[in-house]
N, C-alpha and C. Protein backbone atom coordinates (compact mmCIF):
# COMPACT_ATOMS: atom_id res chain seq x y z
N MET A 1 143.44 148.80 77.60
CA MET A 1 142.93 147.77 76.74
C MET A 1 143.37 146.42 77.31
N GLU A 2 142.42 145.57 77.57
CA GLU A 2 142.73 144.25 78.11
C GLU A 2 142.55 143.18 77.05
N SER A 3 143.30 142.11 77.21
CA SER A 3 143.22 141.00 76.26
C SER A 3 143.45 139.68 76.98
N LYS A 4 142.82 138.64 76.50
CA LYS A 4 143.04 137.31 77.05
C LYS A 4 144.23 136.64 76.39
N CYS A 5 144.81 137.29 75.42
CA CYS A 5 145.93 136.75 74.67
C CYS A 5 147.25 137.05 75.40
N ASN A 6 148.06 136.04 75.58
CA ASN A 6 149.38 136.22 76.18
C ASN A 6 150.43 136.12 75.09
N VAL A 7 151.25 137.14 74.97
CA VAL A 7 152.32 137.15 73.98
C VAL A 7 153.64 137.07 74.73
N SER A 8 154.43 136.09 74.35
CA SER A 8 155.72 135.88 75.01
C SER A 8 156.85 136.00 74.00
N PRO A 9 157.96 136.59 74.41
CA PRO A 9 159.09 136.69 73.49
C PRO A 9 159.68 135.30 73.22
N CYS A 10 160.25 135.13 72.05
CA CYS A 10 160.92 133.88 71.73
C CYS A 10 162.10 134.17 70.82
N ASP A 11 163.02 133.27 70.81
CA ASP A 11 164.20 133.38 69.96
C ASP A 11 163.86 132.85 68.58
N SER A 12 164.43 133.45 67.55
CA SER A 12 164.14 133.00 66.19
C SER A 12 164.59 131.56 65.95
N SER A 13 165.48 131.04 66.79
CA SER A 13 165.91 129.65 66.63
C SER A 13 164.76 128.67 66.91
N ALA A 14 163.69 129.16 67.51
CA ALA A 14 162.51 128.32 67.75
C ALA A 14 161.75 128.05 66.45
N PHE A 15 162.09 128.80 65.39
CA PHE A 15 161.43 128.66 64.10
C PHE A 15 162.49 128.48 63.01
N PRO A 16 163.06 127.28 62.90
CA PRO A 16 164.14 127.06 61.94
C PRO A 16 163.65 127.22 60.49
N THR A 17 164.52 127.81 59.67
CA THR A 17 164.23 127.98 58.25
C THR A 17 165.48 127.62 57.44
N VAL A 18 165.27 127.34 56.17
CA VAL A 18 166.39 127.03 55.28
C VAL A 18 167.21 128.30 55.03
N ALA A 19 166.52 129.42 54.88
CA ALA A 19 167.20 130.69 54.60
C ALA A 19 167.96 131.18 55.82
N LYS A 20 169.17 131.67 55.58
CA LYS A 20 169.96 132.23 56.68
C LYS A 20 169.49 133.65 56.93
N ARG A 21 169.30 133.98 58.17
CA ARG A 21 168.82 135.30 58.56
C ARG A 21 169.81 135.93 59.53
N PRO A 22 169.96 137.25 59.46
CA PRO A 22 170.81 137.91 60.45
C PRO A 22 170.19 137.79 61.84
N ALA A 23 171.02 137.79 62.85
CA ALA A 23 170.52 137.68 64.22
C ALA A 23 169.63 138.85 64.59
N TYR A 24 169.94 140.04 64.06
CA TYR A 24 169.13 141.22 64.37
C TYR A 24 169.13 142.11 63.14
N SER A 25 167.97 142.38 62.61
CA SER A 25 167.91 143.26 61.44
C SER A 25 166.63 144.09 61.49
N LEU A 26 166.71 145.27 60.96
CA LEU A 26 165.56 146.17 60.91
C LEU A 26 165.37 146.64 59.48
N LEU A 27 164.13 146.88 59.11
CA LEU A 27 163.83 147.44 57.81
C LEU A 27 163.95 148.96 57.92
N SER A 28 164.76 149.52 57.08
CA SER A 28 164.94 150.97 57.09
C SER A 28 163.82 151.64 56.32
N ASN A 29 163.27 152.70 56.89
CA ASN A 29 162.24 153.46 56.18
C ASN A 29 162.76 154.85 55.79
N GLU A 30 164.09 155.03 55.85
CA GLU A 30 164.69 156.33 55.55
C GLU A 30 164.39 156.80 54.12
N LYS A 31 164.45 155.88 53.15
CA LYS A 31 164.26 156.27 51.75
C LYS A 31 162.83 156.75 51.49
N ILE A 32 161.85 156.05 52.00
CA ILE A 32 160.46 156.49 51.76
C ILE A 32 160.18 157.82 52.47
N ILE A 33 160.77 158.01 53.64
CA ILE A 33 160.60 159.28 54.35
C ILE A 33 161.20 160.41 53.53
N LYS A 34 162.40 160.18 52.99
CA LYS A 34 163.09 161.20 52.21
C LYS A 34 162.39 161.46 50.87
N ASP A 35 162.07 160.38 50.14
CA ASP A 35 161.51 160.52 48.80
C ASP A 35 160.08 161.05 48.78
N PHE A 36 159.28 160.66 49.77
CA PHE A 36 157.87 161.03 49.76
C PHE A 36 157.47 161.98 50.89
N ASN A 37 158.45 162.37 51.69
CA ASN A 37 158.21 163.30 52.78
C ASN A 37 157.07 162.82 53.69
N VAL A 38 157.14 161.55 54.06
CA VAL A 38 156.15 160.97 54.97
C VAL A 38 156.86 160.40 56.18
N GLU A 39 156.14 160.25 57.23
CA GLU A 39 156.67 159.66 58.47
C GLU A 39 155.82 158.44 58.78
N SER A 40 156.45 157.32 59.07
CA SER A 40 155.66 156.15 59.43
C SER A 40 155.40 156.17 60.94
N PRO A 41 154.20 155.77 61.34
CA PRO A 41 153.88 155.79 62.77
C PRO A 41 154.67 154.74 63.54
N ASN A 42 154.79 154.94 64.80
CA ASN A 42 155.43 153.98 65.69
C ASN A 42 154.64 152.67 65.63
N TRP A 43 155.33 151.54 65.51
CA TRP A 43 154.65 150.26 65.36
C TRP A 43 153.76 149.93 66.55
N GLU A 44 154.19 150.34 67.75
CA GLU A 44 153.40 150.02 68.94
C GLU A 44 152.04 150.72 68.92
N SER A 45 152.03 151.99 68.51
CA SER A 45 150.76 152.71 68.44
C SER A 45 149.89 152.13 67.33
N SER A 46 150.51 151.65 66.26
CA SER A 46 149.74 151.03 65.17
C SER A 46 149.09 149.73 65.63
N VAL A 47 149.81 148.93 66.39
CA VAL A 47 149.25 147.67 66.90
C VAL A 47 148.08 147.98 67.82
N LYS A 48 148.24 148.94 68.72
CA LYS A 48 147.15 149.31 69.63
C LYS A 48 145.92 149.76 68.85
N SER A 49 146.14 150.51 67.79
CA SER A 49 145.04 151.00 66.97
C SER A 49 144.29 149.85 66.29
N VAL A 50 145.02 148.88 65.75
CA VAL A 50 144.40 147.74 65.08
C VAL A 50 143.64 146.87 66.08
N VAL A 51 144.24 146.61 67.23
CA VAL A 51 143.58 145.80 68.26
C VAL A 51 142.30 146.48 68.71
N LYS A 52 142.37 147.78 68.95
CA LYS A 52 141.19 148.55 69.37
C LYS A 52 140.09 148.45 68.31
N TYR A 53 140.46 148.58 67.04
CA TYR A 53 139.50 148.48 65.95
C TYR A 53 138.77 147.14 65.97
N PHE A 54 139.51 146.04 66.12
CA PHE A 54 138.89 144.73 66.10
C PHE A 54 138.09 144.44 67.36
N ILE A 55 138.47 145.02 68.46
CA ILE A 55 137.65 144.89 69.68
C ILE A 55 136.32 145.59 69.48
N GLU A 56 136.36 146.76 68.88
CA GLU A 56 135.16 147.56 68.65
C GLU A 56 134.33 147.06 67.47
N ASN A 57 134.93 146.27 66.58
CA ASN A 57 134.25 145.77 65.38
C ASN A 57 134.44 144.27 65.23
N PRO A 58 133.90 143.48 66.14
CA PRO A 58 134.14 142.03 66.10
C PRO A 58 133.68 141.37 64.80
N GLU A 59 132.71 141.97 64.11
CA GLU A 59 132.24 141.39 62.86
C GLU A 59 133.28 141.48 61.75
N LYS A 60 134.31 142.30 61.94
CA LYS A 60 135.38 142.46 60.94
C LYS A 60 136.52 141.46 61.13
N ARG A 61 136.49 140.73 62.23
CA ARG A 61 137.57 139.77 62.50
C ARG A 61 137.53 138.63 61.50
N VAL A 62 138.69 138.11 61.15
CA VAL A 62 138.78 137.01 60.20
C VAL A 62 138.73 135.70 60.95
């Protein structure tokens, strides 16, 4: 899948906010997995799926 969009990593300090944020934090999905017996897909495969959808369906783009 090719794209003309370039995504570059950046430090969160490039986007100052009033709220203090931890330097590194992740959202845990352990409770929903345990309570509902579901598995969330890998985020990278989900992004690829969404990008592919919008490439194939340009009329759906916002």
